[in-house]
Amino acid sequence: MNTEESKGNWDQQKEKLKQKFAALTDNDILFKEGTKEEMISKLQKKLGKTREELLKIIEGL
């Protein structure tokens, strides 16, 4: 999968995440190349989920 496909997929997933968790802001789910772990950590704190729970939620979108 190339970068453009990944970005398009993430754009769809982040909209679904915002629908599922109304407390999330665009800043919370801002994904930049090389900052995935930072974003995951921020989401964990905001949502009170473990890393595994969060990744499972994202994969299920």
PDB file of N, CA and C in Angstrom:
ATOM      1  N   MET A   1       0.849  -1.171   0.000  1.00  0.00           N
ATOM      2  CA  MET A   1       0.000   0.000   0.000  1.00  0.00           C
ATOM      3  C   MET A   1       0.897   1.237   0.000  1.00  0.00           C
ATOM      4  N   ASN A   2       0.589   2.180  -0.864  1.00  0.00           N
ATOM      5  CA  ASN A   2       1.417   3.374  -0.921  1.00  0.00           C
ATOM      6  C   ASN A   2       0.924   4.427   0.072  1.00  0.00           C
ATOM      7  N   THR A   3       1.674   5.508   0.181  1.00  0.00           N
ATOM      8  CA  THR A   3       1.366   6.554   1.157  1.00  0.00           C
ATOM      9  C   THR A   3       0.014   7.189   0.895  1.00  0.00           C
ATOM     10  N   GLU A   4      -0.327   7.415  -0.366  1.00  0.00           N
ATOM     11  CA  GLU A   4      -1.620   8.032  -0.698  1.00  0.00           C
ATOM     12  C   GLU A   4      -2.785   7.131  -0.284  1.00  0.00           C
ATOM     13  N   GLU A   5      -2.651   5.825  -0.501  1.00  0.00           N
ATOM     14  CA  GLU A   5      -3.699   4.887  -0.090  1.00  0.00           C
ATOM     15  C   GLU A   5      -3.832   4.882   1.426  1.00  0.00           C
ATOM     16  N   SER A   6      -2.704   4.901   2.128  1.00  0.00           N
ATOM     17  CA  SER A   6      -2.721   4.920   3.592  1.00  0.00           C
ATOM     18  C   SER A   6      -3.401   6.173   4.105  1.00  0.00           C
ATOM     19  N   LYS A   7      -3.085   7.303   3.494  1.00  0.00           N
ATOM     20  CA  LYS A   7      -3.669   8.573   3.916  1.00  0.00           C
ATOM     21  C   LYS A   7      -5.173   8.571   3.677  1.00  0.00           C
ATOM     22  N   GLY A   8      -5.607   8.081   2.536  1.00  0.00           N
ATOM     23  CA  GLY A   8      -7.034   8.011   2.240  1.00  0.00           C
ATOM     24  C   GLY A   8      -7.757   7.109   3.211  1.00  0.00           C
ATOM     25  N   ASN A   9      -7.157   5.979   3.529  1.00  0.00           N
ATOM     26  CA  ASN A   9      -7.727   5.039   4.489  1.00  0.00           C
ATOM     27  C   ASN A   9      -7.817   5.689   5.865  1.00  0.00           C
ATOM     28  N   TRP A  10      -6.772   6.386   6.293  1.00  0.00           N
ATOM     29  CA  TRP A  10      -6.785   7.036   7.595  1.00  0.00           C
ATOM     30  C   TRP A  10      -7.836   8.139   7.631  1.00  0.00           C
ATOM     31  N   ASP A  11      -7.992   8.879   6.536  1.00  0.00           N
ATOM     32  CA  ASP A  11      -9.001   9.936   6.488  1.00  0.00           C
ATOM     33  C   ASP A  11     -10.386   9.360   6.763  1.00  0.00           C
ATOM     34  N   GLN A  12     -10.672   8.202   6.206  1.00  0.00           N
ATOM     35  CA  GLN A  12     -11.960   7.551   6.442  1.00  0.00           C
ATOM     36  C   GLN A  12     -12.059   7.057   7.885  1.00  0.00           C
ATOM     37  N   GLN A  13     -10.998   6.465   8.383  1.00  0.00           N
ATOM     38  CA  GLN A  13     -11.004   5.920   9.738  1.00  0.00           C
ATOM     39  C   GLN A  13     -11.140   7.019  10.786  1.00  0.00           C
ATOM     40  N   LYS A  14     -10.468   8.144  10.583  1.00  0.00           N
ATOM     41  CA  LYS A  14     -10.533   9.191  11.598  1.00  0.00           C
ATOM     42  C   LYS A  14     -11.929   9.790  11.685  1.00  0.00           C
ATOM     43  N   GLU A  15     -12.635   9.884  10.569  1.00  0.00           N
ATOM     44  CA  GLU A  15     -14.012  10.371  10.612  1.00  0.00           C
ATOM     45  C   GLU A  15     -14.902   9.420  11.401  1.00  0.00           C
ATOM     46  N   LYS A  16     -14.682   8.132  11.215  1.00  0.00           N
ATOM     47  CA  LYS A  16     -15.451   7.134  11.973  1.00  0.00           C
ATOM     48  C   LYS A  16     -15.098   7.188  13.460  1.00  0.00           C
ATOM     49  N   LEU A  17     -13.820   7.419  13.779  1.00  0.00           N
ATOM     50  CA  LEU A  17     -13.400   7.550  15.173  1.00  0.00           C
ATOM     51  C   LEU A  17     -14.080   8.749  15.828  1.00  0.00           C
ATOM     52  N   LYS A  18     -14.129   9.862  15.094  1.00  0.00           N
ATOM     53  CA  LYS A  18     -14.778  11.062  15.632  1.00  0.00           C
ATOM     54  C   LYS A  18     -16.262  10.826  15.862  1.00  0.00           C
ATOM     55  N   GLN A  19     -16.899  10.026  15.016  1.00  0.00           N
ATOM     56  CA  GLN A  19     -18.307   9.704  15.208  1.00  0.00           C
ATOM     57  C   GLN A  19     -18.490   8.821  16.436  1.00  0.00           C
ATOM     58  N   LYS A  20     -17.583   7.878  16.627  1.00  0.00           N
ATOM     59  CA  LYS A  20     -17.679   6.937  17.736  1.00  0.00           C
ATOM     60  C   LYS A  20     -17.335   7.597  19.076  1.00  0.00           C
ATOM     61  N   PHE A  21     -16.356   8.487  19.059  1.00  0.00           N
ATOM     62  CA  PHE A  21     -15.896   9.171  20.269  1.00  0.00           C
ATOM     63  C   PHE A  21     -15.994  10.680  20.048  1.00  0.00           C
ATOM     64  N   ALA A  22     -17.107  11.242  20.439  1.00  0.00           N
ATOM     65  CA  ALA A  22     -17.384  12.653  20.185  1.00  0.00           C
ATOM     66  C   ALA A  22     -16.368  13.599  20.832  1.00  0.00           C
ATOM     67  N   ALA A  23     -15.669  13.150  21.861  1.00  0.00           N
ATOM     68  CA  ALA A  23     -14.707  14.001  22.559  1.00  0.00           C
ATOM     69  C   ALA A  23     -13.428  14.241  21.758  1.00  0.00           C
ATOM     70  N   LEU A  24     -13.221  13.477  20.688  1.00  0.00           N
ATOM     71  CA  LEU A  24     -11.991  13.626  19.897  1.00  0.00           C
ATOM     72  C   LEU A  24     -12.053  14.867  19.024  1.00  0.00           C
ATOM     73  N   THR A  25     -10.923  15.533  18.935  1.00  0.00           N
ATOM     74  CA  THR A  25     -10.802  16.696  18.060  1.00  0.00           C
ATOM     75  C   THR A  25      -9.907  16.340  16.880  1.00  0.00           C
ATOM     76  N   ASP A  26      -9.881  17.197  15.879  1.00  0.00           N
ATOM     77  CA  ASP A  26      -8.988  16.981  14.735  1.00  0.00           C
ATOM     78  C   ASP A  26      -7.538  16.911  15.199  1.00  0.00           C
ATOM     79  N   ASN A  27      -7.195  17.700  16.186  1.00  0.00           N
ATOM     80  CA  ASN A  27      -5.829  17.694  16.723  1.00  0.00           C
ATOM     81  C   ASN A  27      -5.469  16.358  17.357  1.00  0.00           C
ATOM     82  N   ASP A  28      -6.436  15.733  18.010  1.00  0.00           N
ATOM     83  CA  ASP A  28      -6.183  14.443  18.661  1.00  0.00           C
ATOM     84  C   ASP A  28      -5.846  13.350  17.664  1.00  0.00           C
ATOM     85  N   ILE A  29      -6.440  13.423  16.499  1.00  0.00           N
ATOM     86  CA  ILE A  29      -6.264  12.347  15.522  1.00  0.00           C
ATOM     87  C   ILE A  29      -5.463  12.784  14.298  1.00  0.00           C
ATOM     88  N   LEU A  30      -4.670  13.824  14.485  1.00  0.00           N
ATOM     89  CA  LEU A  30      -3.801  14.297  13.418  1.00  0.00           C
ATOM     90  C   LEU A  30      -2.659  13.309  13.248  1.00  0.00           C
ATOM     91  N   PHE A  31      -2.562  12.740  12.067  1.00  0.00           N
ATOM     92  CA  PHE A  31      -1.515  11.752  11.787  1.00  0.00           C
ATOM     93  C   PHE A  31      -0.523  12.336  10.804  1.00  0.00           C
ATOM     94  N   LYS A  32       0.720  12.409  11.234  1.00  0.00           N
ATOM     95  CA  LYS A  32       1.810  12.839  10.368  1.00  0.00           C
ATOM     96  C   LYS A  32       2.773  11.670  10.268  1.00  0.00           C
ATOM     97  N   GLU A  33       3.436  11.599   9.153  1.00  0.00           N
ATOM     98  CA  GLU A  33       4.423  10.544   8.944  1.00  0.00           C
ATOM     99  C   GLU A  33       5.414  10.543  10.104  1.00  0.00           C
ATOM    100  N   GLY A  34       5.593   9.401  10.744  1.00  0.00           N
ATOM    101  CA  GLY A  34       6.565   9.259  11.826  1.00  0.00           C
ATOM    102  C   GLY A  34       6.046   9.607  13.212  1.00  0.00           C
ATOM    103  N   THR A  35       4.762   9.971  13.337  1.00  0.00           N
ATOM    104  CA  THR A  35       4.231  10.347  14.644  1.00  0.00           C
ATOM    105  C   THR A  35       3.103   9.425  15.102  1.00  0.00           C
ATOM    106  N   LYS A  36       3.024   8.251  14.534  1.00  0.00           N
ATOM    107  CA  LYS A  36       1.945   7.325  14.869  1.00  0.00           C
ATOM    108  C   LYS A  36       1.925   6.991  16.362  1.00  0.00           C
ATOM    109  N   GLU A  37       3.079   6.690  16.936  1.00  0.00           N
ATOM    110  CA  GLU A  37       3.140   6.306  18.345  1.00  0.00           C
ATOM    111  C   GLU A  37       2.698   7.447  19.253  1.00  0.00           C
ATOM    112  N   GLU A  38       3.067   8.655  18.901  1.00  0.00           N
ATOM    113  CA  GLU A  38       2.660   9.825  19.682  1.00  0.00           C
ATOM    114  C   GLU A  38       1.139   9.991  19.635  1.00  0.00           C
ATOM    115  N   MET A  39       0.561   9.813  18.458  1.00  0.00           N
ATOM    116  CA  MET A  39      -0.884   9.929  18.298  1.00  0.00           C
ATOM    117  C   MET A  39      -1.594   8.828  19.092  1.00  0.00           C
ATOM    118  N   ILE A  40      -1.111   7.594  19.003  1.00  0.00           N
ATOM    119  CA  ILE A  40      -1.709   6.473  19.727  1.00  0.00           C
ATOM    120  C   ILE A  40      -1.671   6.754  21.227  1.00  0.00           C
ATOM    121  N   SER A  41      -0.557   7.233  21.721  1.00  0.00           N
ATOM    122  CA  SER A  41      -0.409   7.547  23.140  1.00  0.00           C
ATOM    123  C   SER A  41      -1.401   8.626  23.569  1.00  0.00           C
ATOM    124  N   LYS A  42      -1.549   9.649  22.755  1.00  0.00           N
ATOM    125  CA  LYS A  42      -2.486  10.736  23.048  1.00  0.00           C
ATOM    126  C   LYS A  42      -3.926  10.213  23.094  1.00  0.00           C
ATOM    127  N   LEU A  43      -4.265   9.345  22.154  1.00  0.00           N
ATOM    128  CA  LEU A  43      -5.611   8.771  22.123  1.00  0.00           C
ATOM    129  C   LEU A  43      -5.856   7.864  23.329  1.00  0.00           C
ATOM    130  N   GLN A  44      -4.847   7.102  23.723  1.00  0.00           N
ATOM    131  CA  GLN A  44      -4.962   6.230  24.889  1.00  0.00           C
ATOM    132  C   GLN A  44      -5.335   7.047  26.125  1.00  0.00           C
ATOM    133  N   LYS A  45      -4.635   8.148  26.335  1.00  0.00           N
ATOM    134  CA  LYS A  45      -4.885   8.986  27.497  1.00  0.00           C
ATOM    135  C   LYS A  45      -6.274   9.614  27.440  1.00  0.00           C
ATOM    136  N   LYS A  46      -6.647  10.116  26.285  1.00  0.00           N
ATOM    137  CA  LYS A  46      -7.923  10.816  26.155  1.00  0.00           C
ATOM    138  C   LYS A  46      -9.112   9.866  26.292  1.00  0.00           C
ATOM    139  N   LEU A  47      -8.982   8.660  25.746  1.00  0.00           N
ATOM    140  CA  LEU A  47     -10.102   7.724  25.749  1.00  0.00           C
ATOM    141  C   LEU A  47     -10.062   6.720  26.897  1.00  0.00           C
ATOM    142  N   GLY A  48      -8.943   6.650  27.615  1.00  0.00           N
ATOM    143  CA  GLY A  48      -8.826   5.710  28.722  1.00  0.00           C
ATOM    144  C   GLY A  48      -8.799   4.257  28.256  1.00  0.00           C
ATOM    145  N   LYS A  49      -8.207   4.023  27.094  1.00  0.00           N
ATOM    146  CA  LYS A  49      -8.111   2.669  26.522  1.00  0.00           C
ATOM    147  C   LYS A  49      -6.658   2.218  26.521  1.00  0.00           C
ATOM    148  N   THR A  50      -6.462   0.895  26.516  1.00  0.00           N
ATOM    149  CA  THR A  50      -5.105   0.368  26.363  1.00  0.00           C
ATOM    150  C   THR A  50      -4.720   0.472  24.894  1.00  0.00           C
ATOM    151  N   ARG A  51      -3.453   0.325  24.640  1.00  0.00           N
ATOM    152  CA  ARG A  51      -2.968   0.366  23.258  1.00  0.00           C
ATOM    153  C   ARG A  51      -3.656  -0.711  22.420  1.00  0.00           C
ATOM    154  N   GLU A  52      -3.758  -1.907  22.987  1.00  0.00           N
ATOM    155  CA  GLU A  52      -4.359  -3.026  22.268  1.00  0.00           C
ATOM    156  C   GLU A  52      -5.837  -2.750  21.962  1.00  0.00           C
ATOM    157  N   GLU A  53      -6.564  -2.222  22.960  1.00  0.00           N
ATOM    158  CA  GLU A  53      -7.975  -1.893  22.747  1.00  0.00           C
ATOM    159  C   GLU A  53      -8.134  -0.857  21.637  1.00  0.00           C
ATOM    160  N   LEU A  54      -7.295   0.146  21.687  1.00  0.00           N
ATOM    161  CA  LEU A  54      -7.361   1.222  20.711  1.00  0.00           C
ATOM    162  C   LEU A  54      -7.049   0.723  19.300  1.00  0.00           C
ATOM    163  N   LEU A  55      -6.013  -0.085  19.158  1.00  0.00           N
ATOM    164  CA  LEU A  55      -5.664  -0.614  17.842  1.00  0.00           C
ATOM    165  C   LEU A  55      -6.773  -1.511  17.302  1.00  0.00           C
ATOM    166  N   LYS A  56      -7.395  -2.272  18.175  1.00  0.00           N
ATOM    167  CA  LYS A  56      -8.502  -3.131  17.768  1.00  0.00           C
ATOM    168  C   LYS A  56      -9.695  -2.290  17.284  1.00  0.00           C
ATOM    169  N   ILE A  57      -9.975  -1.199  17.990  1.00  0.00           N
ATOM    170  CA  ILE A  57     -11.061  -0.289  17.575  1.00  0.00           C
ATOM    171  C   ILE A  57     -10.765   0.291  16.199  1.00  0.00           C
ATOM    172  N   ILE A  58      -9.539   0.754  16.007  1.00  0.00           N
ATOM    173  CA  ILE A  58      -9.150   1.374  14.727  1.00  0.00           C
ATOM    174  C   ILE A  58      -9.233   0.349  13.596  1.00  0.00           C
ATOM    175  N   GLU A  59      -8.749  -0.851  13.835  1.00  0.00           N
ATOM    176  CA  GLU A  59      -8.798  -1.902  12.814  1.00  0.00           C
ATOM    177  C   GLU A  59     -10.235  -2.267  12.445  1.00  0.00           C
ATOM    178  N   GLY A  60     -11.143  -2.166  13.418  1.00  0.00           N
ATOM    179  CA  GLY A  60     -12.537  -2.530  13.192  1.00  0.00           C
ATOM    180  C   GLY A  60     -13.360  -1.480  12.466  1.00  0.00           C
ATOM    181  N   LEU A  61     -12.769  -0.322  12.219  1.00  0.00           N
ATOM    182  CA  LEU A  61     -13.520   0.751  11.549  1.00  0.00           C
ATOM    183  C   LEU A  61     -13.670   0.511  10.068  1.00  0.00           C
TER     184      LEU A  61
END
